[in-house]
């Protein structure tokens, strides 16, 4: 069963790597417009930078929320240790 899961994971990862499409970050006109607006003092550059920071933070926030939910769901509440025959409550 574990081999089948590993094989499926490997297959999906391999297909994702093989199907990657090269992209360009910005076209030359967009870069030139942002640089010109930045030199003239327009607020377009600030909006672009804010958008980039928002897009940068979104995946980290999603991973943090999933990790927190996972931690809360699978955390053990009552753990019994056989050291002193006492119940240890980890709340």
Protein backbone atom coordinates (compact mmCIF):
# COMPACT_ATOMS: atom_id res chain seq x y z
CA UNK A 1 0.00 0.00 0.00
CA UNK A 2 2.83 2.39 0.87
CA UNK A 3 4.58 1.60 -2.40
CA UNK A 4 1.43 2.49 -4.33
CA UNK A 5 1.12 5.85 -2.55
CA UNK A 6 4.80 6.58 -3.17
CA UNK A 7 4.44 5.63 -6.84
CA UNK A 8 1.39 7.89 -7.24
CA UNK A 9 3.18 10.79 -5.54
CA UNK A 10 6.25 10.30 -7.71
CA UNK A 11 4.10 10.13 -10.85
CA UNK A 12 2.23 13.34 -10.00
CA UNK A 13 5.46 15.15 -9.15
CA UNK A 14 7.06 13.94 -12.39
CA UNK A 15 4.11 15.14 -14.45
CA UNK A 16 4.20 18.55 -12.76
CA UNK A 17 7.90 18.94 -13.49
CA UNK A 18 7.54 17.83 -17.12
CA UNK A 19 4.57 20.10 -17.81
CA UNK A 20 6.27 23.32 -16.67
CA UNK A 21 5.87 26.17 -19.13
CA UNK A 22 8.54 28.89 -19.23
CA UNK A 23 7.14 32.37 -18.60
CA UNK A 24 8.55 35.86 -18.52
CA UNK A 25 8.17 38.04 -15.44
CA UNK A 26 7.33 41.33 -17.18
CA UNK A 27 7.26 42.59 -20.70
CA UNK A 28 9.60 45.40 -21.72
CA UNK A 29 6.74 47.92 -21.99
CA UNK A 30 5.52 47.21 -18.45
CA UNK A 31 9.03 47.58 -17.06
CA UNK A 32 9.60 50.85 -18.91
CA UNK A 33 6.23 52.24 -17.74
CA UNK A 34 6.91 51.39 -14.10
CA UNK A 35 10.40 52.91 -14.25
CA UNK A 36 9.09 56.09 -15.88
CA UNK A 37 6.26 56.43 -13.35
CA UNK A 38 8.69 55.86 -10.52
CA UNK A 39 10.98 58.64 -11.71
CA UNK A 40 8.09 61.06 -12.18
CA UNK A 41 6.71 60.38 -8.68
CA UNK A 42 3.43 58.68 -9.63
CA UNK A 43 1.82 56.26 -7.16
CA UNK A 44 1.63 53.37 -9.61
CA UNK A 45 4.91 51.96 -8.37
CA UNK A 46 3.65 51.79 -4.79
CA UNK A 47 0.57 49.90 -5.92
CA UNK A 48 2.67 47.44 -7.89
CA UNK A 49 4.99 46.88 -4.92
CA UNK A 50 2.00 46.37 -2.59
CA UNK A 51 0.53 43.83 -5.00
CA UNK A 52 3.81 41.92 -5.16
CA UNK A 53 4.03 41.82 -1.36
CA UNK A 54 0.42 40.60 -1.13
CA UNK A 55 1.12 37.81 -3.62
CA UNK A 56 4.30 36.92 -1.74
CA UNK A 57 2.57 36.68 1.65
CA UNK A 58 -0.50 34.70 0.54
CA UNK A 59 1.16 31.23 0.22
CA UNK A 60 2.95 31.60 3.56
CA UNK A 61 -0.28 32.59 5.26
CA UNK A 62 -2.13 29.63 3.74
CA UNK A 63 0.57 27.19 4.90
CA UNK A 64 0.53 28.72 8.39
CA UNK A 65 -3.27 28.35 8.67
CA UNK A 66 -3.18 24.73 7.47
CA UNK A 67 -0.33 23.96 9.88
CA UNK A 68 -2.20 25.50 12.81
CA UNK A 69 -5.38 23.57 12.01
CA UNK A 70 -3.38 20.35 11.62
CA UNK A 71 -1.62 20.95 14.93
CA UNK A 72 -4.88 21.62 16.78
CA UNK A 73 -6.64 18.62 15.23
CA UNK A 74 -3.98 15.97 15.86
CA UNK A 75 -2.55 17.20 19.16
CA UNK A 76 -2.72 14.68 21.96
CA UNK A 77 -4.61 15.96 24.95
CA UNK A 78 -4.04 13.17 27.48
CA UNK A 79 -0.73 11.34 27.43
CA UNK A 80 0.01 8.52 29.79
CA UNK A 81 3.65 8.03 30.77
CA UNK A 82 4.72 4.89 32.60
CA UNK A 83 7.44 6.63 34.57
CA UNK A 84 5.51 7.27 37.80
CA UNK A 85 2.16 5.78 36.92
CA UNK A 86 0.61 9.26 36.87
CA UNK A 87 -1.50 10.74 34.14
CA UNK A 88 0.13 13.75 32.47
CA UNK A 89 -2.30 16.34 31.10
CA UNK A 90 -0.80 18.47 28.32
CA UNK A 91 -3.39 21.24 27.95
